[in-house]
N, C-alpha and C. Protein backbone atom coordinates (compact mmCIF):
# COMPACT_ATOMS: atom_id res chain seq x y z
N MET A 1 -52.85 22.06 30.85
CA MET A 1 -53.32 22.68 31.66
C MET A 1 -52.65 23.86 32.15
N ILE A 2 -51.45 23.99 31.88
CA ILE A 2 -50.86 25.44 32.10
C ILE A 2 -51.30 26.68 31.21
N GLY A 3 -51.70 26.28 30.04
CA GLY A 3 -51.91 27.30 29.31
C GLY A 3 -53.40 27.65 29.27
N THR A 4 -54.32 26.56 29.33
CA THR A 4 -55.72 26.42 29.64
C THR A 4 -55.72 27.58 31.06
N GLY A 5 -55.25 27.27 32.07
CA GLY A 5 -55.11 27.96 33.18
C GLY A 5 -55.01 29.35 32.84
N ALA A 6 -54.08 29.65 32.44
CA ALA A 6 -53.62 31.10 31.96
C ALA A 6 -54.88 31.94 31.19
N VAL A 7 -55.30 31.32 30.33
CA VAL A 7 -56.63 31.96 29.65
C VAL A 7 -57.59 31.89 30.67
N MET A 8 -57.87 31.08 31.56
CA MET A 8 -59.10 31.03 32.61
C MET A 8 -58.84 32.12 33.37
N ILE A 9 -57.52 32.37 33.95
CA ILE A 9 -57.43 33.39 34.75
C ILE A 9 -57.45 34.60 34.09
N SER A 10 -57.48 34.97 32.76
CA SER A 10 -57.50 36.37 32.45
C SER A 10 -58.95 36.82 32.05
N LEU A 11 -59.79 35.53 32.36
CA LEU A 11 -61.22 35.88 31.99
C LEU A 11 -61.85 36.46 33.17
N ASP A 12 -61.25 36.07 34.50
CA ASP A 12 -62.02 36.56 35.76
C ASP A 12 -61.36 37.55 36.61
N PRO A 13 -62.00 38.55 37.05
CA PRO A 13 -61.28 39.59 37.48
C PRO A 13 -61.40 39.66 39.06
N ARG A 14 -61.76 38.51 39.71
CA ARG A 14 -61.98 38.40 40.83
C ARG A 14 -60.56 37.57 41.49
N TRP A 15 -60.17 37.87 42.66
CA TRP A 15 -59.00 37.02 42.86
C TRP A 15 -59.20 35.69 43.39
N THR A 16 -60.33 35.49 44.34
CA THR A 16 -60.89 34.30 44.68
C THR A 16 -61.07 33.37 43.25
N GLY A 17 -61.50 34.03 42.04
CA GLY A 17 -61.23 33.04 41.18
C GLY A 17 -60.10 32.66 40.58
N TRP A 18 -58.96 33.50 40.85
CA TRP A 18 -57.67 33.37 40.24
C TRP A 18 -57.11 32.29 41.00
N ARG A 19 -57.39 32.54 42.37
CA ARG A 19 -56.59 31.50 43.51
C ARG A 19 -56.55 30.20 43.24
N ALA A 20 -57.48 29.46 42.94
CA ALA A 20 -57.39 27.91 42.68
C ALA A 20 -56.77 27.60 41.53
N ILE A 21 -57.15 28.57 40.38
CA ILE A 21 -56.22 28.17 39.18
C ILE A 21 -54.74 28.33 39.21
N LEU A 22 -54.45 29.51 39.90
CA LEU A 22 -53.04 29.72 40.06
C LEU A 22 -52.36 28.64 41.17
N GLU A 23 -52.86 28.01 41.91
CA GLU A 23 -52.41 27.14 42.68
C GLU A 23 -52.26 25.64 41.84
N GLY A 24 -53.32 25.53 40.74
CA GLY A 24 -53.05 24.49 39.86
C GLY A 24 -51.73 24.90 39.00
N ILE A 25 -51.75 25.95 38.71
CA ILE A 25 -50.51 26.13 37.70
C ILE A 25 -49.33 26.02 38.29
N PHE A 26 -49.11 26.31 39.74
CA PHE A 26 -48.12 26.43 40.47
C PHE A 26 -47.80 24.94 40.53
N ILE A 27 -48.73 24.15 41.13
CA ILE A 27 -48.13 22.53 41.22
C ILE A 27 -47.86 21.80 39.92
N ALA A 28 -48.67 22.38 38.95
CA ALA A 28 -48.07 21.65 37.42
C ALA A 28 -46.44 22.30 37.62
N TYR A 29 -46.22 23.45 37.53
CA TYR A 29 -44.76 23.93 37.39
C TYR A 29 -44.06 23.12 38.36
N CYS A 30 -43.98 23.02 39.52
CA CYS A 30 -43.36 22.24 40.40
C CYS A 30 -43.33 20.70 39.94
N LEU A 31 -44.31 20.25 39.41
CA LEU A 31 -44.02 18.90 39.07
C LEU A 31 -43.19 18.66 37.74
N ILE A 32 -43.46 19.60 36.52
CA ILE A 32 -42.49 19.74 35.71
C ILE A 32 -41.08 19.71 36.03
N PHE A 33 -40.72 20.83 36.97
CA PHE A 33 -39.61 21.16 37.37
C PHE A 33 -38.63 20.01 38.17
N LEU A 34 -39.38 19.58 38.97
CA LEU A 34 -39.06 18.15 39.85
C LEU A 34 -38.84 17.03 38.63
N ALA A 35 -39.44 16.70 37.36
CA ALA A 35 -39.27 15.74 36.61
C ALA A 35 -38.26 16.13 35.87
N ALA A 36 -37.98 17.37 35.32
CA ALA A 36 -36.69 17.72 34.87
C ALA A 36 -35.55 17.76 35.34
N PHE A 37 -35.38 17.64 36.94
CA PHE A 37 -34.58 17.32 37.84
C PHE A 37 -34.32 15.86 38.10
N MET A 38 -35.30 15.20 37.86
CA MET A 38 -35.19 13.60 38.39
C MET A 38 -34.66 12.84 36.84
N ASN A 39 -34.56 13.49 35.89
CA ASN A 39 -34.12 13.04 34.64
C ASN A 39 -33.50 13.75 33.64
N PRO A 40 -32.42 14.71 34.42
CA PRO A 40 -31.50 15.75 33.48
C PRO A 40 -30.92 15.03 31.85
N ALA A 41 -31.08 14.08 31.67
CA ALA A 41 -30.54 13.37 30.72
C ALA A 41 -31.27 13.71 29.48
N ASP A 42 -32.52 14.07 29.77
CA ASP A 42 -33.33 14.37 28.52
C ASP A 42 -33.05 16.14 27.88
N PHE A 43 -32.34 16.56 28.60
CA PHE A 43 -31.72 17.93 28.30
C PHE A 43 -30.33 17.99 27.44
N LYS A 44 -30.25 18.35 26.27
CA LYS A 44 -28.82 18.20 25.49
C LYS A 44 -28.31 19.04 26.11
N THR A 45 -28.75 20.11 26.74
CA THR A 45 -27.45 21.30 26.98
C THR A 45 -27.30 21.28 28.75
N GLY A 46 -27.83 20.19 29.12
CA GLY A 46 -27.72 20.20 30.46
C GLY A 46 -29.10 20.82 31.34
N ILE A 47 -28.94 20.50 32.66
CA ILE A 47 -30.26 20.66 33.43
C ILE A 47 -30.54 22.40 33.46
N PHE A 48 -29.52 22.93 33.61
CA PHE A 48 -29.66 24.38 33.46
C PHE A 48 -29.78 25.46 32.27
N ASN A 49 -30.79 25.33 31.77
CA ASN A 49 -30.99 26.00 30.46
C ASN A 49 -31.95 26.98 30.40
N TRP A 50 -32.60 27.55 29.16
CA TRP A 50 -33.37 28.39 29.20
C TRP A 50 -34.64 28.26 29.90
N TYR A 51 -34.97 26.97 29.37
CA TYR A 51 -36.49 26.33 30.15
C TYR A 51 -36.20 26.31 31.31
N THR A 52 -35.38 25.46 32.01
CA THR A 52 -35.80 25.47 33.51
C THR A 52 -35.45 26.73 34.33
N MET A 53 -34.75 27.64 33.66
CA MET A 53 -34.62 29.03 34.34
C MET A 53 -35.96 29.62 33.95
N LEU A 54 -36.62 29.33 33.01
CA LEU A 54 -37.87 30.33 32.86
C LEU A 54 -38.86 29.56 33.69
N MET A 55 -38.76 28.43 33.88
CA MET A 55 -39.94 27.94 34.89
C MET A 55 -39.47 28.36 36.56
N ALA A 56 -38.42 28.20 36.99
CA ALA A 56 -37.79 29.07 38.02
C ALA A 56 -38.50 30.26 38.18
N ALA A 57 -38.34 30.96 37.12
CA ALA A 57 -38.58 32.29 37.47
C ALA A 57 -40.27 32.77 37.37
N MET A 58 -40.79 31.82 36.60
CA MET A 58 -42.31 31.47 36.64
C MET A 58 -42.59 31.12 38.09
N LEU A 59 -41.97 30.33 39.08
CA LEU A 59 -42.70 29.76 39.97
C LEU A 59 -42.36 31.06 41.04
N ILE A 60 -41.34 31.44 41.08
CA ILE A 60 -40.86 32.46 41.89
C ILE A 60 -41.81 33.55 41.85
N ALA A 61 -42.30 33.94 40.55
CA ALA A 61 -43.19 34.95 40.30
C ALA A 61 -44.68 34.73 40.62
N ILE A 62 -45.26 33.48 40.68
CA ILE A 62 -46.23 33.12 41.04
C ILE A 62 -46.32 33.03 42.64
N PHE A 63 -45.09 32.72 43.29
CA PHE A 63 -45.10 32.89 44.51
C PHE A 63 -45.34 33.99 45.20
N VAL A 64 -44.67 34.95 44.57
CA VAL A 64 -44.56 36.36 45.08
C VAL A 64 -46.29 36.97 45.04
N PHE A 65 -46.59 36.82 43.66
CA PHE A 65 -48.00 37.49 43.33
C PHE A 65 -49.17 36.93 44.51
N TYR A 66 -49.02 35.50 44.56
CA TYR A 66 -49.62 34.93 45.41
C TYR A 66 -49.60 35.36 47.03
N GLY A 67 -48.47 35.57 47.23
CA GLY A 67 -48.42 36.12 48.74
C GLY A 67 -49.18 37.36 48.89
N ILE A 68 -48.54 38.55 47.64
CA ILE A 68 -49.23 39.66 47.81
C ILE A 68 -50.75 39.75 47.51
N MET A 69 -51.40 38.85 46.98
CA MET A 69 -52.76 39.05 46.77
C MET A 69 -53.50 38.76 48.02
N GLU A 70 -52.71 37.35 48.54
CA GLU A 70 -53.45 36.76 49.80
C GLU A 70 -53.36 37.79 50.92
N SER A 71 -52.22 38.36 50.92
CA SER A 71 -51.98 39.67 51.88
C SER A 71 -53.08 40.72 51.96
N ARG A 72 -53.10 41.11 50.56
CA ARG A 72 -54.33 42.33 50.41
C ARG A 72 -55.68 41.62 50.61
N ARG A 73 -56.08 40.75 50.47
CA ARG A 73 -57.24 39.99 50.82
C ARG A 73 -57.86 39.98 52.45
N ARG A 74 -56.40 39.86 52.80
CA ARG A 74 -56.67 39.56 54.61
C ARG A 74 -56.75 41.01 55.35
N LYS A 75 -56.16 41.82 54.50
CA LYS A 75 -56.23 43.19 55.23
C LYS A 75 -57.91 43.76 55.10
N GLU A 76 -58.42 43.30 53.64
CA GLU A 76 -59.71 43.83 53.46
C GLU A 76 -60.76 43.17 54.45
N ILE A 77 -60.62 42.06 54.71
CA ILE A 77 -61.41 41.31 55.37
C ILE A 77 -61.35 41.78 56.69
N LYS A 78 -60.08 42.16 57.38
CA LYS A 78 -60.13 42.91 58.69
C LYS A 78 -60.92 44.16 58.66
């Protein structure tokens, strides 16, 4: 879902088209991140590795980007 969502986002220039897909990607990353913390034994190098750090960075980036785009949309409506 994450890869397909990224491809779908790149094809649509409108923020309203991006919004629902980005929310789905955010939820998917959150669930994967939660699963990693629920079962850290699956990681040989421990829970804090490149994969979980990259996911954390992606979650933060999506959260910030979403906030910026929503604030722009609200300013345009007013």
